[in-house]
PDB file of N, CA and C in Angstrom:
ATOM      1  N   UNK A   1      67.176  81.797 129.737  1.00  0.00           N
ATOM      2  CA  UNK A   1      68.219  82.525 130.017  1.00  0.00           C
ATOM      3  C   UNK A   1      69.589  82.437 130.858  1.00  0.00           C
ATOM      4  N   UNK A   2      69.691  80.926 131.188  1.00  0.00           N
ATOM      5  CA  UNK A   2      71.396  80.481 130.951  1.00  0.00           C
ATOM      6  C   UNK A   2      72.021  81.268 129.932  1.00  0.00           C
ATOM      7  N   UNK A   3      71.445  80.761 129.300  1.00  0.00           N
ATOM      8  CA  UNK A   3      72.344  80.452 127.424  1.00  0.00           C
ATOM      9  C   UNK A   3      72.480  82.264 127.784  1.00  0.00           C
ATOM     10  N   UNK A   4      71.580  83.287 127.847  1.00  0.00           N
ATOM     11  CA  UNK A   4      71.989  84.607 127.830  1.00  0.00           C
ATOM     12  C   UNK A   4      73.034  84.914 128.540  1.00  0.00           C
ATOM     13  N   UNK A   5      73.211  84.561 129.615  1.00  0.00           N
ATOM     14  CA  UNK A   5      74.713  84.952 130.542  1.00  0.00           C
ATOM     15  C   UNK A   5      75.582  84.357 130.081  1.00  0.00           C
ATOM     16  N   UNK A   6      76.237  83.003 129.940  1.00  0.00           N
ATOM     17  CA  UNK A   6      77.137  82.633 129.036  1.00  0.00           C
ATOM     18  C   UNK A   6      77.332  83.290 127.849  1.00  0.00           C
ATOM     19  N   UNK A   7      76.388  83.641 127.033  1.00  0.00           N
ATOM     20  CA  UNK A   7      77.081  84.361 126.380  1.00  0.00           C
ATOM     21  C   UNK A   7      77.628  86.109 126.477  1.00  0.00           C
ATOM     22  N   UNK A   8      77.340  86.707 127.672  1.00  0.00           N
ATOM     23  CA  UNK A   8      77.490  87.783 127.867  1.00  0.00           C
ATOM     24  C   UNK A   8      78.793  87.380 128.635  1.00  0.00           C
ATOM     25  N   UNK A   9      79.337  86.620 129.537  1.00  0.00           N
ATOM     26  CA  UNK A   9      80.424  85.784 130.080  1.00  0.00           C
ATOM     27  C   UNK A   9      81.356  85.852 128.879  1.00  0.00           C
ATOM     28  N   UNK A  10      81.379  85.408 128.224  1.00  0.00           N
ATOM     29  CA  UNK A  10      82.080  85.028 126.492  1.00  0.00           C
ATOM     30  C   UNK A  10      82.280  86.317 125.927  1.00  0.00           C
ATOM     31  N   UNK A  11      81.608  87.482 125.379  1.00  0.00           N
ATOM     32  CA  UNK A  11      81.576  88.628 125.318  1.00  0.00           C
ATOM     33  C   UNK A  11      82.776  89.444 126.184  1.00  0.00           C
ATOM     34  N   UNK A  12      82.364  89.347 127.325  1.00  0.00           N
ATOM     35  CA  UNK A  12      83.290  90.327 128.567  1.00  0.00           C
ATOM     36  C   UNK A  12      85.188  89.671 128.138  1.00  0.00           C
ATOM     37  N   UNK A  13      84.809  88.500 128.185  1.00  0.00           N
ATOM     38  CA  UNK A  13      86.332  87.702 128.230  1.00  0.00           C
ATOM     39  C   UNK A  13      86.956  87.786 127.261  1.00  0.00           C
ATOM     40  N   UNK A  14      86.023  87.815 125.922  1.00  0.00           N
ATOM     41  CA  UNK A  14      87.022  87.726 124.619  1.00  0.00           C
ATOM     42  C   UNK A  14      87.376  89.751 124.474  1.00  0.00           C
ATOM     43  N   UNK A  15      86.589  90.648 125.244  1.00  0.00           N
ATOM     44  CA  UNK A  15      87.247  92.021 125.076  1.00  0.00           C
ATOM     45  C   UNK A  15      88.213  92.282 125.841  1.00  0.00           C
ATOM     46  N   UNK A  16      88.440  91.899 126.508  1.00  0.00           N
ATOM     47  CA  UNK A  16      89.954  91.825 127.799  1.00  0.00           C
ATOM     48  C   UNK A  16      90.961  91.647 126.063  1.00  0.00           C
ATOM     49  N   UNK A  17      91.278  90.725 125.657  1.00  0.00           N
ATOM     50  CA  UNK A  17      92.190  89.997 124.676  1.00  0.00           C
ATOM     51  C   UNK A  17      91.734  91.132 123.170  1.00  0.00           C
ATOM     52  N   UNK A  18      91.072  91.934 123.194  1.00  0.00           N
ATOM     53  CA  UNK A  18      90.483  92.305 121.713  1.00  0.00           C
ATOM     54  C   UNK A  18      91.531  93.964 121.483  1.00  0.00           C
ATOM     55  N   UNK A  19      92.469  94.058 120.044  1.00  0.00           N
ATOM     56  CA  UNK A  19      93.210  94.892 120.238  1.00  0.00           C
ATOM     57  C   UNK A  19      92.691  95.934 119.569  1.00  0.00           C
ATOM     58  N   UNK A  20      93.105  96.905 120.086  1.00  0.00           N
ATOM     59  CA  UNK A  20      92.659  98.974 119.331  1.00  0.00           C
ATOM     60  C   UNK A  20      93.357  99.281 118.314  1.00  0.00           C
ATOM     61  N   UNK A  21      93.976  99.233 117.972  1.00  0.00           N
ATOM     62  CA  UNK A  21      95.208  99.973 117.344  1.00  0.00           C
ATOM     63  C   UNK A  21      95.201  98.760 115.837  1.00  0.00           C
ATOM     64  N   UNK A  22      94.054  97.915 115.459  1.00  0.00           N
ATOM     65  CA  UNK A  22      94.010  97.435 114.319  1.00  0.00           C
ATOM     66  C   UNK A  22      93.513  98.060 113.094  1.00  0.00           C
ATOM     67  N   UNK A  23      94.462  98.556 111.982  1.00  0.00           N
ATOM     68  CA  UNK A  23      93.914  99.655 111.175  1.00  0.00           C
ATOM     69  C   UNK A  23      92.645  98.474 110.795  1.00  0.00           C
ATOM     70  N   UNK A  24      92.184  99.578 109.380  1.00  0.00           N
ATOM     71  CA  UNK A  24      90.836  98.666 108.709  1.00  0.00           C
ATOM     72  C   UNK A  24      91.143  98.577 107.577  1.00  0.00           C
ATOM     73  N   UNK A  25      91.622  97.235 107.519  1.00  0.00           N
ATOM     74  CA  UNK A  25      92.193  96.785 106.479  1.00  0.00           C
ATOM     75  C   UNK A  25      91.033  96.009 105.673  1.00  0.00           C
ATOM     76  N   UNK A  26      91.617  96.226 103.910  1.00  0.00           N
ATOM     77  CA  UNK A  26      90.319  95.619 102.975  1.00  0.00           C
ATOM     78  C   UNK A  26      90.734  94.461 102.558  1.00  0.00           C
ATOM     79  N   UNK A  27      90.167  94.352 101.793  1.00  0.00           N
ATOM     80  CA  UNK A  27      90.765  92.966 100.367  1.00  0.00           C
ATOM     81  C   UNK A  27      91.061  93.425  99.782  1.00  0.00           C
ATOM     82  N   UNK A  28      92.709  93.350  99.045  1.00  0.00           N
ATOM     83  CA  UNK A  28      93.495  93.961  97.866  1.00  0.00           C
ATOM     84  C   UNK A  28      94.455  95.146  98.576  1.00  0.00           C
ATOM     85  N   UNK A  29      94.284  95.412 100.083  1.00  0.00           N
ATOM     86  CA  UNK A  29      95.303  95.966 100.806  1.00  0.00           C
ATOM     87  C   UNK A  29      96.926  95.070 100.567  1.00  0.00           C
ATOM     88  N   UNK A  30      98.134  95.945 100.586  1.00  0.00           N
ATOM     89  CA  UNK A  30      99.080  95.552 100.368  1.00  0.00           C
ATOM     90  C   UNK A  30      99.559  96.073 101.731  1.00  0.00           C
ATOM     91  N   UNK A  31      99.935  94.631 102.598  1.00  0.00           N
ATOM     92  CA  UNK A  31      99.915  95.069 104.230  1.00  0.00           C
ATOM     93  C   UNK A  31     101.488  94.584 104.322  1.00  0.00           C
ATOM     94  N   UNK A  32     102.369  95.120 105.437  1.00  0.00           N
ATOM     95  CA  UNK A  32     103.426  94.585 105.958  1.00  0.00           C
ATOM     96  C   UNK A  32     102.981  94.167 107.409  1.00  0.00           C
ATOM     97  N   UNK A  33     103.253  93.196 107.799  1.00  0.00           N
ATOM     98  CA  UNK A  33     102.684  92.756 109.236  1.00  0.00           C
ATOM     99  C   UNK A  33     104.033  91.876 110.340  1.00  0.00           C
ATOM    100  N   UNK A  34     103.967  92.143 110.989  1.00  0.00           N
ATOM    101  CA  UNK A  34     105.092  92.170 111.974  1.00  0.00           C
ATOM    102  C   UNK A  34     104.918  91.172 112.764  1.00  0.00           C
ATOM    103  N   UNK A  35     105.633  89.273 113.003  1.00  0.00           N
ATOM    104  CA  UNK A  35     105.303  88.237 113.668  1.00  0.00           C
ATOM    105  C   UNK A  35     106.436  88.380 114.752  1.00  0.00           C
ATOM    106  N   UNK A  36     105.874  87.934 115.751  1.00  0.00           N
ATOM    107  CA  UNK A  36     106.998  87.692 116.484  1.00  0.00           C
ATOM    108  C   UNK A  36     107.261  86.048 116.563  1.00  0.00           C
ATOM    109  N   UNK A  37     108.597  85.820 116.481  1.00  0.00           N
ATOM    110  CA  UNK A  37     109.170  84.564 116.180  1.00  0.00           C
ATOM    111  C   UNK A  37     110.038  84.213 117.706  1.00  0.00           C
ATOM    112  N   UNK A  38     109.800  83.411 118.164  1.00  0.00           N
ATOM    113  CA  UNK A  38     110.233  82.747 119.325  1.00  0.00           C
ATOM    114  C   UNK A  38     111.624  81.946 118.929  1.00  0.00           C
ATOM    115  N   UNK A  39     113.129  82.423 119.124  1.00  0.00           N
ATOM    116  CA  UNK A  39     114.587  81.081 119.304  1.00  0.00           C
ATOM    117  C   UNK A  39     114.921  81.055 119.718  1.00  0.00           C
ATOM    118  N   UNK A  40     115.055  79.937 120.737  1.00  0.00           N
ATOM    119  CA  UNK A  40     115.300  79.928 121.839  1.00  0.00           C
ATOM    120  C   UNK A  40     114.755  80.401 123.116  1.00  0.00           C
ATOM    121  N   UNK A  41     115.589  81.051 123.651  1.00  0.00           N
ATOM    122  CA  UNK A  41     115.029  81.919 124.987  1.00  0.00           C
ATOM    123  C   UNK A  41     114.896  83.632 124.370  1.00  0.00           C
ATOM    124  N   UNK A  42     115.200  83.922 123.041  1.00  0.00           N
ATOM    125  CA  UNK A  42     114.919  85.054 122.261  1.00  0.00           C
ATOM    126  C   UNK A  42     113.847  85.550 121.410  1.00  0.00           C
ATOM    127  N   UNK A  43     113.741  86.826 121.507  1.00  0.00           N
ATOM    128  CA  UNK A  43     112.182  86.973 120.667  1.00  0.00           C
ATOM    129  C   UNK A  43     113.055  88.313 119.958  1.00  0.00           C
ATOM    130  N   UNK A  44     112.164  87.936 118.652  1.00  0.00           N
ATOM    131  CA  UNK A  44     112.619  88.690 117.664  1.00  0.00           C
ATOM    132  C   UNK A  44     111.505  89.379 116.459  1.00  0.00           C
ATOM    133  N   UNK A  45     111.053  90.466 115.911  1.00  0.00           N
ATOM    134  CA  UNK A  45     110.485  90.585 114.719  1.00  0.00           C
ATOM    135  C   UNK A  45     110.568  90.348 113.438  1.00  0.00           C
ATOM    136  N   UNK A  46     109.631  89.284 112.979  1.00  0.00           N
ATOM    137  CA  UNK A  46     109.802  89.041 111.613  1.00  0.00           C
ATOM    138  C   UNK A  46     108.312  89.804 110.410  1.00  0.00           C
ATOM    139  N   UNK A  47     108.967  90.350 109.544  1.00  0.00           N
ATOM    140  CA  UNK A  47     107.677  90.705 108.564  1.00  0.00           C
ATOM    141  C   UNK A  47     107.685  90.050 107.734  1.00  0.00           C
ATOM    142  N   UNK A  48     106.308  90.270 107.490  1.00  0.00           N
ATOM    143  CA  UNK A  48     105.750  89.467 106.312  1.00  0.00           C
ATOM    144  C   UNK A  48     104.829  90.386 105.301  1.00  0.00           C
ATOM    145  N   UNK A  49     105.324  90.303 104.116  1.00  0.00           N
ATOM    146  CA  UNK A  49     104.644  91.670 103.326  1.00  0.00           C
ATOM    147  C   UNK A  49     104.163  90.895 102.173  1.00  0.00           C
ATOM    148  N   UNK A  50     103.026  91.516 102.123  1.00  0.00           N
ATOM    149  CA  UNK A  50     101.455  90.675 100.639  1.00  0.00           C
ATOM    150  C   UNK A  50     100.093  91.560 100.647  1.00  0.00           C
ATOM    151  N   UNK A  51     100.072  90.444 100.219  1.00  0.00           N
ATOM    152  CA  UNK A  51      98.413  91.454  99.427  1.00  0.00           C
ATOM    153  C   UNK A  51      97.699  90.387 100.005  1.00  0.00           C
ATOM    154  N   UNK A  52      96.031  91.178 100.763  1.00  0.00           N
ATOM    155  CA  UNK A  52      95.096  90.599 101.366  1.00  0.00           C
ATOM    156  C   UNK A  52      94.187  90.110 100.642  1.00  0.00           C
ATOM    157  N   UNK A  53      93.829  88.811 100.150  1.00  0.00           N
ATOM    158  CA  UNK A  53      93.518  88.165  98.982  1.00  0.00           C
ATOM    159  C   UNK A  53      91.548  87.705 100.308  1.00  0.00           C
ATOM    160  N   UNK A  54      91.926  87.215 101.287  1.00  0.00           N
ATOM    161  CA  UNK A  54      90.468  86.679 102.047  1.00  0.00           C
ATOM    162  C   UNK A  54      90.369  87.637 103.541  1.00  0.00           C
ATOM    163  N   UNK A  55      89.399  87.443 103.746  1.00  0.00           N
ATOM    164  CA  UNK A  55      89.397  88.475 105.111  1.00  0.00           C
ATOM    165  C   UNK A  55      87.608  87.504 106.008  1.00  0.00           C
ATOM    166  N   UNK A  56      88.418  86.942 106.993  1.00  0.00           N
ATOM    167  CA  UNK A  56      87.020  85.364 107.366  1.00  0.00           C
ATOM    168  C   UNK A  56      86.988  86.175 109.119  1.00  0.00           C
ATOM    169  N   UNK A  57      85.393  85.723 109.389  1.00  0.00           N
ATOM    170  CA  UNK A  57      85.093  86.266 111.142  1.00  0.00           C
ATOM    171  C   UNK A  57      85.112  87.509 110.979  1.00  0.00           C
ATOM    172  N   UNK A  58      84.817  87.476 112.304  1.00  0.00           N
ATOM    173  CA  UNK A  58      84.610  88.877 112.634  1.00  0.00           C
ATOM    174  C   UNK A  58      85.337  89.229 114.360  1.00  0.00           C
ATOM    175  N   UNK A  59      84.951  90.069 115.393  1.00  0.00           N
ATOM    176  CA  UNK A  59      85.459  90.209 116.413  1.00  0.00           C
ATOM    177  C   UNK A  59      86.895  89.763 116.757  1.00  0.00           C
ATOM    178  N   UNK A  60      86.871  88.913 117.780  1.00  0.00           N
ATOM    179  CA  UNK A  60      88.358  88.481 117.958  1.00  0.00           C
ATOM    180  C   UNK A  60      88.977  86.841 117.249  1.00  0.00           C
ATOM    181  N   UNK A  61      87.990  86.763 116.155  1.00  0.00           N
ATOM    182  CA  UNK A  61      88.338  85.312 115.600  1.00  0.00           C
ATOM    183  C   UNK A  61      88.872  86.125 114.083  1.00  0.00           C
ATOM    184  N   UNK A  62      88.630  87.551 113.816  1.00  0.00           N
ATOM    185  CA  UNK A  62      89.226  87.942 112.321  1.00  0.00           C
ATOM    186  C   UNK A  62      90.502  87.177 112.393  1.00  0.00           C
ATOM    187  N   UNK A  63      90.398  86.620 110.761  1.00  0.00           N
ATOM    188  CA  UNK A  63      91.813  86.155 110.056  1.00  0.00           C
ATOM    189  C   UNK A  63      91.777  87.134 108.768  1.00  0.00           C
ATOM    190  N   UNK A  64      93.018  86.847 108.299  1.00  0.00           N
ATOM    191  CA  UNK A  64      93.282  87.370 106.969  1.00  0.00           C
ATOM    192  C   UNK A  64      94.217  86.544 106.736  1.00  0.00           C
ATOM    193  N   UNK A  65      93.541  86.541 104.837  1.00  0.00           N
ATOM    194  CA  UNK A  65      94.461  85.793 104.186  1.00  0.00           C
ATOM    195  C   UNK A  65      96.024  86.583 103.850  1.00  0.00           C
ATOM    196  N   UNK A  66      97.259  86.439 103.908  1.00  0.00           N
ATOM    197  CA  UNK A  66      97.943  87.510 103.132  1.00  0.00           C
ATOM    198  C   UNK A  66      99.179  86.141 102.278  1.00  0.00           C
ATOM    199  N   UNK A  67      98.844  87.157 100.459  1.00  0.00           N
ATOM    200  CA  UNK A  67      99.382  86.068  99.205  1.00  0.00           C
ATOM    201  C   UNK A  67     100.983  87.033  98.947  1.00  0.00           C
ATOM    202  N   UNK A  68     102.293  86.351  99.260  1.00  0.00           N
ATOM    203  CA  UNK A  68     103.258  86.929  98.217  1.00  0.00           C
ATOM    204  C   UNK A  68     104.200  85.969  97.245  1.00  0.00           C
ATOM    205  N   UNK A  69     104.654  86.377  96.708  1.00  0.00           N
ATOM    206  CA  UNK A  69     105.551  85.933  95.381  1.00  0.00           C
ATOM    207  C   UNK A  69     107.225  85.695  96.100  1.00  0.00           C
ATOM    208  N   UNK A  70     107.092  84.464  96.649  1.00  0.00           N
ATOM    209  CA  UNK A  70     109.109  84.564  96.935  1.00  0.00           C
ATOM    210  C   UNK A  70     109.824  83.221  96.409  1.00  0.00           C
ATOM    211  N   UNK A  71     110.520  84.338  95.480  1.00  0.00           N
ATOM    212  CA  UNK A  71     111.161  83.089  94.597  1.00  0.00           C
ATOM    213  C   UNK A  71     110.506  82.331  93.561  1.00  0.00           C
ATOM    214  N   UNK A  72     109.346  83.568  92.931  1.00  0.00           N
ATOM    215  CA  UNK A  72     108.692  82.607  91.686  1.00  0.00           C
ATOM    216  C   UNK A  72     107.392  81.636  92.662  1.00  0.00           C
ATOM    217  N   UNK A  73     107.497  81.382  93.721  1.00  0.00           N
ATOM    218  CA  UNK A  73     106.885  80.512  94.119  1.00  0.00           C
ATOM    219  C   UNK A  73     105.548  81.245  94.883  1.00  0.00           C
ATOM    220  N   UNK A  74     103.599  81.014  94.684  1.00  0.00           N
ATOM    221  CA  UNK A  74     103.004  81.882  95.249  1.00  0.00           C
ATOM    222  C   UNK A  74     103.307  81.192  97.142  1.00  0.00           C
ATOM    223  N   UNK A  75     103.457  81.934  98.452  1.00  0.00           N
ATOM    224  CA  UNK A  75     102.882  81.632  99.437  1.00  0.00           C
ATOM    225  C   UNK A  75     102.072  82.248 100.190  1.00  0.00           C
ATOM    226  N   UNK A  76     101.011  81.715 101.097  1.00  0.00           N
ATOM    227  CA  UNK A  76     100.099  82.048 101.412  1.00  0.00           C
ATOM    228  C   UNK A  76     100.101  82.168 103.153  1.00  0.00           C
ATOM    229  N   UNK A  77      99.502  83.047 103.975  1.00  0.00           N
ATOM    230  CA  UNK A  77      99.516  82.679 105.193  1.00  0.00           C
ATOM    231  C   UNK A  77      98.704  83.619 105.889  1.00  0.00           C
ATOM    232  N   UNK A  78      97.775  82.866 107.199  1.00  0.00           N
ATOM    233  CA  UNK A  78      96.948  83.101 107.666  1.00  0.00           C
ATOM    234  C   UNK A  78      96.922  83.993 108.830  1.00  0.00           C
ATOM    235  N   UNK A  79      97.119  84.847 109.045  1.00  0.00           N
ATOM    236  CA  UNK A  79      96.908  85.375 110.419  1.00  0.00           C
ATOM    237  C   UNK A  79      95.894  85.827 111.044  1.00  0.00           C
ATOM    238  N   UNK A  80      95.549  85.038 112.460  1.00  0.00           N
ATOM    239  CA  UNK A  80      94.414  85.648 113.204  1.00  0.00           C
ATOM    240  C   UNK A  80      95.285  87.455 113.711  1.00  0.00           C
ATOM    241  N   UNK A  81      94.348  87.902 113.348  1.00  0.00           N
ATOM    242  CA  UNK A  81      94.565  89.220 113.579  1.00  0.00           C
ATOM    243  C   UNK A  81      94.891  89.805 115.275  1.00  0.00           C
ATOM    244  N   UNK A  82      94.433  89.465 116.177  1.00  0.00           N
ATOM    245  CA  UNK A  82      94.143  89.726 117.530  1.00  0.00           C
ATOM    246  C   UNK A  82      95.093  88.623 118.363  1.00  0.00           C
ATOM    247  N   UNK A  83      95.862  88.252 117.906  1.00  0.00           N
ATOM    248  CA  UNK A  83      96.745  86.983 118.451  1.00  0.00           C
ATOM    249  C   UNK A  83      97.941  87.803 118.599  1.00  0.00           C
ATOM    250  N   UNK A  84      98.111  87.617 120.138  1.00  0.00           N
ATOM    251  CA  UNK A  84      99.387  88.235 120.921  1.00  0.00           C
ATOM    252  C   UNK A  84     100.930  87.964 120.063  1.00  0.00           C
ATOM    253  N   UNK A  85     100.938  87.271 119.154  1.00  0.00           N
ATOM    254  CA  UNK A  85     102.278  87.099 117.889  1.00  0.00           C
ATOM    255  C   UNK A  85     101.772  87.657 116.911  1.00  0.00           C
ATOM    256  N   UNK A  86     101.224  88.794 116.787  1.00  0.00           N
ATOM    257  CA  UNK A  86     100.760  89.392 115.448  1.00  0.00           C
ATOM    258  C   UNK A  86     101.369  90.863 116.744  1.00  0.00           C
ATOM    259  N   UNK A  87     102.088  91.572 116.001  1.00  0.00           N
ATOM    260  CA  UNK A  87     103.223  92.721 116.678  1.00  0.00           C
ATOM    261  C   UNK A  87     102.882  94.080 116.266  1.00  0.00           C
ATOM    262  N   UNK A  88     102.899  93.897 114.489  1.00  0.00           N
ATOM    263  CA  UNK A  88     102.135  95.526 113.745  1.00  0.00           C
ATOM    264  C   UNK A  88     101.490  94.860 112.773  1.00  0.00           C
ATOM    265  N   UNK A  89     100.892  95.956 112.344  1.00  0.00           N
ATOM    266  CA  UNK A  89     100.146  95.890 111.310  1.00  0.00           C
ATOM    267  C   UNK A  89     100.313  97.107 110.480  1.00  0.00           C
ATOM    268  N   UNK A  90     100.740  97.052 109.074  1.00  0.00           N
ATOM    269  CA  UNK A  90     100.750  98.798 108.818  1.00  0.00           C
ATOM    270  C   UNK A  90     100.416  98.137 106.800  1.00  0.00           C
ATOM    271  N   UNK A  91      99.450  99.306 106.917  1.00  0.00           N
ATOM    272  CA  UNK A  91      98.405  99.179 105.114  1.00  0.00           C
ATOM    273  C   UNK A  91      99.328  99.856 104.354  1.00  0.00           C
ATOM    274  N   UNK A  92     100.430  99.628 103.342  1.00  0.00           N
ATOM    275  CA  UNK A  92     101.261  99.952 102.455  1.00  0.00           C
ATOM    276  C   UNK A  92     100.357 100.598 101.216  1.00  0.00           C
ATOM    277  N   UNK A  93      99.452  99.862 100.491  1.00  0.00           N
ATOM    278  CA  UNK A  93      98.656 100.294  99.710  1.00  0.00           C
ATOM    279  C   UNK A  93      97.402  99.429  99.628  1.00  0.00           C
ATOM    280  N   UNK A  94      96.373 100.282  98.888  1.00  0.00           N
ATOM    281  CA  UNK A  94      95.142 100.037  98.375  1.00  0.00           C
ATOM    282  C   UNK A  94      94.653  99.684  97.437  1.00  0.00           C
ATOM    283  N   UNK A  95      94.237  99.221  96.808  1.00  0.00           N
ATOM    284  CA  UNK A  95      93.538  98.545  95.582  1.00  0.00           C
ATOM    285  C   UNK A  95      92.509  98.208  95.918  1.00  0.00           C
ATOM    286  N   UNK A  96      91.820  99.086  94.161  1.00  0.00           N
ATOM    287  CA  UNK A  96      90.731  99.083  93.925  1.00  0.00           C
ATOM    288  C   UNK A  96      89.977  97.140  93.423  1.00  0.00           C
ATOM    289  N   UNK A  97      89.112  97.080  94.135  1.00  0.00           N
ATOM    290  CA  UNK A  97      89.082  95.349  93.748  1.00  0.00           C
ATOM    291  C   UNK A  97      87.643  95.208  93.353  1.00  0.00           C
ATOM    292  N   UNK A  98      86.282  94.303  93.077  1.00  0.00           N
ATOM    293  CA  UNK A  98      85.078  93.939  92.650  1.00  0.00           C
ATOM    294  C   UNK A  98      84.752  92.766  93.387  1.00  0.00           C
ATOM    295  N   UNK A  99      85.923  92.205  94.120  1.00  0.00           N
ATOM    296  CA  UNK A  99      85.228  90.833  94.820  1.00  0.00           C
ATOM    297  C   UNK A  99      86.120  90.626  96.235  1.00  0.00           C
ATOM    298  N   UNK A 100      85.222  89.775  97.118  1.00  0.00           N
ATOM    299  CA  UNK A 100      85.295  89.725  98.393  1.00  0.00           C
ATOM    300  C   UNK A 100      86.156  88.451  98.344  1.00  0.00           C
ATOM    301  N   UNK A 101      86.968  87.720  97.560  1.00  0.00           N
ATOM    302  CA  UNK A 101      88.129  86.422  97.776  1.00  0.00           C
ATOM    303  C   UNK A 101      88.442  87.130  96.013  1.00  0.00           C
ATOM    304  N   UNK A 102      90.055  87.173  96.779  1.00  0.00           N
ATOM    305  CA  UNK A 102      91.119  87.348  95.805  1.00  0.00           C
ATOM    306  C   UNK A 102      91.267  86.014  94.701  1.00  0.00           C
ATOM    307  N   UNK A 103      90.885  85.003  95.305  1.00  0.00           N
ATOM    308  CA  UNK A 103      91.664  83.722  94.543  1.00  0.00           C
ATOM    309  C   UNK A 103      92.123  83.499  93.254  1.00  0.00           C
ATOM    310  N   UNK A 104      91.632  84.024  92.724  1.00  0.00           N
ATOM    311  CA  UNK A 104      91.893  84.089  91.277  1.00  0.00           C
ATOM    312  C   UNK A 104      93.118  84.812  90.876  1.00  0.00           C
ATOM    313  N   UNK A 105      94.270  84.954  91.857  1.00  0.00           N
ATOM    314  CA  UNK A 105      95.285  85.215  91.867  1.00  0.00           C
ATOM    315  C   UNK A 105      96.590  84.187  91.906  1.00  0.00           C
ATOM    316  N   UNK A 106      95.560  83.207  92.622  1.00  0.00           N
ATOM    317  CA  UNK A 106      96.518  81.539  92.715  1.00  0.00           C
ATOM    318  C   UNK A 106      96.586  81.550  91.184  1.00  0.00           C
ATOM    319  N   UNK A 107      96.145  81.824  89.978  1.00  0.00           N
ATOM    320  CA  UNK A 107      96.014  80.832  89.381  1.00  0.00           C
ATOM    321  C   UNK A 107      96.875  82.167  87.996  1.00  0.00           C
ATOM    322  N   UNK A 108      97.568  83.245  88.063  1.00  0.00           N
ATOM    323  CA  UNK A 108      98.047  83.837  87.545  1.00  0.00           C
ATOM    324  C   UNK A 108      99.545  83.946  88.221  1.00  0.00           C
ATOM    325  N   UNK A 109     100.588  84.367  87.153  1.00  0.00           N
ATOM    326  CA  UNK A 109     101.879  84.891  87.092  1.00  0.00           C
ATOM    327  C   UNK A 109     102.323  86.240  86.506  1.00  0.00           C
ATOM    328  N   UNK A 110     103.208  87.058  86.975  1.00  0.00           N
ATOM    329  CA  UNK A 110     103.821  88.165  86.457  1.00  0.00           C
ATOM    330  C   UNK A 110     103.224  89.120  86.972  1.00  0.00           C
ATOM    331  N   UNK A 111     103.102  90.121  85.605  1.00  0.00           N
ATOM    332  CA  UNK A 111     102.207  91.444  85.955  1.00  0.00           C
ATOM    333  C   UNK A 111     100.601  90.738  85.937  1.00  0.00           C
ATOM    334  N   UNK A 112     100.349  89.556  85.504  1.00  0.00           N
ATOM    335  CA  UNK A 112      98.522  89.947  85.635  1.00  0.00           C
ATOM    336  C   UNK A 112      98.252  89.718  87.215  1.00  0.00           C
ATOM    337  N   UNK A 113      99.076  89.585  87.988  1.00  0.00           N
ATOM    338  CA  UNK A 113      98.838  89.450  89.111  1.00  0.00           C
ATOM    339  C   UNK A 113      98.223  91.067  89.889  1.00  0.00           C
ATOM    340  N   UNK A 114      99.290  92.295  89.231  1.00  0.00           N
ATOM    341  CA  UNK A 114      98.983  93.508  89.482  1.00  0.00           C
ATOM    342  C   UNK A 114      97.521  93.959  89.747  1.00  0.00           C
ATOM    343  N   UNK A 115      97.228  94.708  90.942  1.00  0.00           N
ATOM    344  CA  UNK A 115      95.872  95.284  90.991  1.00  0.00           C
ATOM    345  C   UNK A 115      96.051  96.566  91.072  1.00  0.00           C
ATOM    346  N   UNK A 116      94.562  97.197  90.550  1.00  0.00           N
ATOM    347  CA  UNK A 116      94.932  98.821  90.284  1.00  0.00           C
ATOM    348  C   UNK A 116      95.056  99.343  91.652  1.00  0.00           C
ATOM    349  N   UNK A 117      95.608 100.090  91.946  1.00  0.00           N
ATOM    350  CA  UNK A 117      95.780 101.063  92.716  1.00  0.00           C
ATOM    351  C   UNK A 117      94.815 102.020  93.387  1.00  0.00           C
ATOM    352  N   UNK A 118      94.169 101.929  94.539  1.00  0.00           N
ATOM    353  CA  UNK A 118      93.118 102.985  94.451  1.00  0.00           C
ATOM    354  C   UNK A 118      93.836 104.397  95.655  1.00  0.00           C
ATOM    355  N   UNK A 119      93.637 105.354  94.729  1.00  0.00           N
ATOM    356  CA  UNK A 119      94.120 107.061  95.258  1.00  0.00           C
ATOM    357  C   UNK A 119      93.147 107.232  95.850  1.00  0.00           C
ATOM    358  N   UNK A 120      93.484 107.417  97.104  1.00  0.00           N
ATOM    359  CA  UNK A 120      92.707 108.772  98.102  1.00  0.00           C
ATOM    360  C   UNK A 120      92.942 109.895  98.797  1.00  0.00           C
TER     361      UNK A 120
END
């Protein structure tokens, strides 16, 4: 009985911090994520654009891994979507994929990293 009450309290606390304006992000989507950067006492938003290659967990612990190519080198970054540091999320393009994780893109270069666009 005590375990049930603590789970209920945790769920209630988590619900206060959930963001309601997050779009339905799928694997293979090209996304543009605005991240708050603090420099001294100033705050600015830096945008990170790339392909979603992995999605983990659910609820308040929902994370996505975004991969982009920067100056010929693959850069991956993991974002906690309900974090206060994530200012905005925009889906630019959706792709048709048949995998839950797109880790195979790490071994590909150039045009081989393209995904087939999903037309809505």
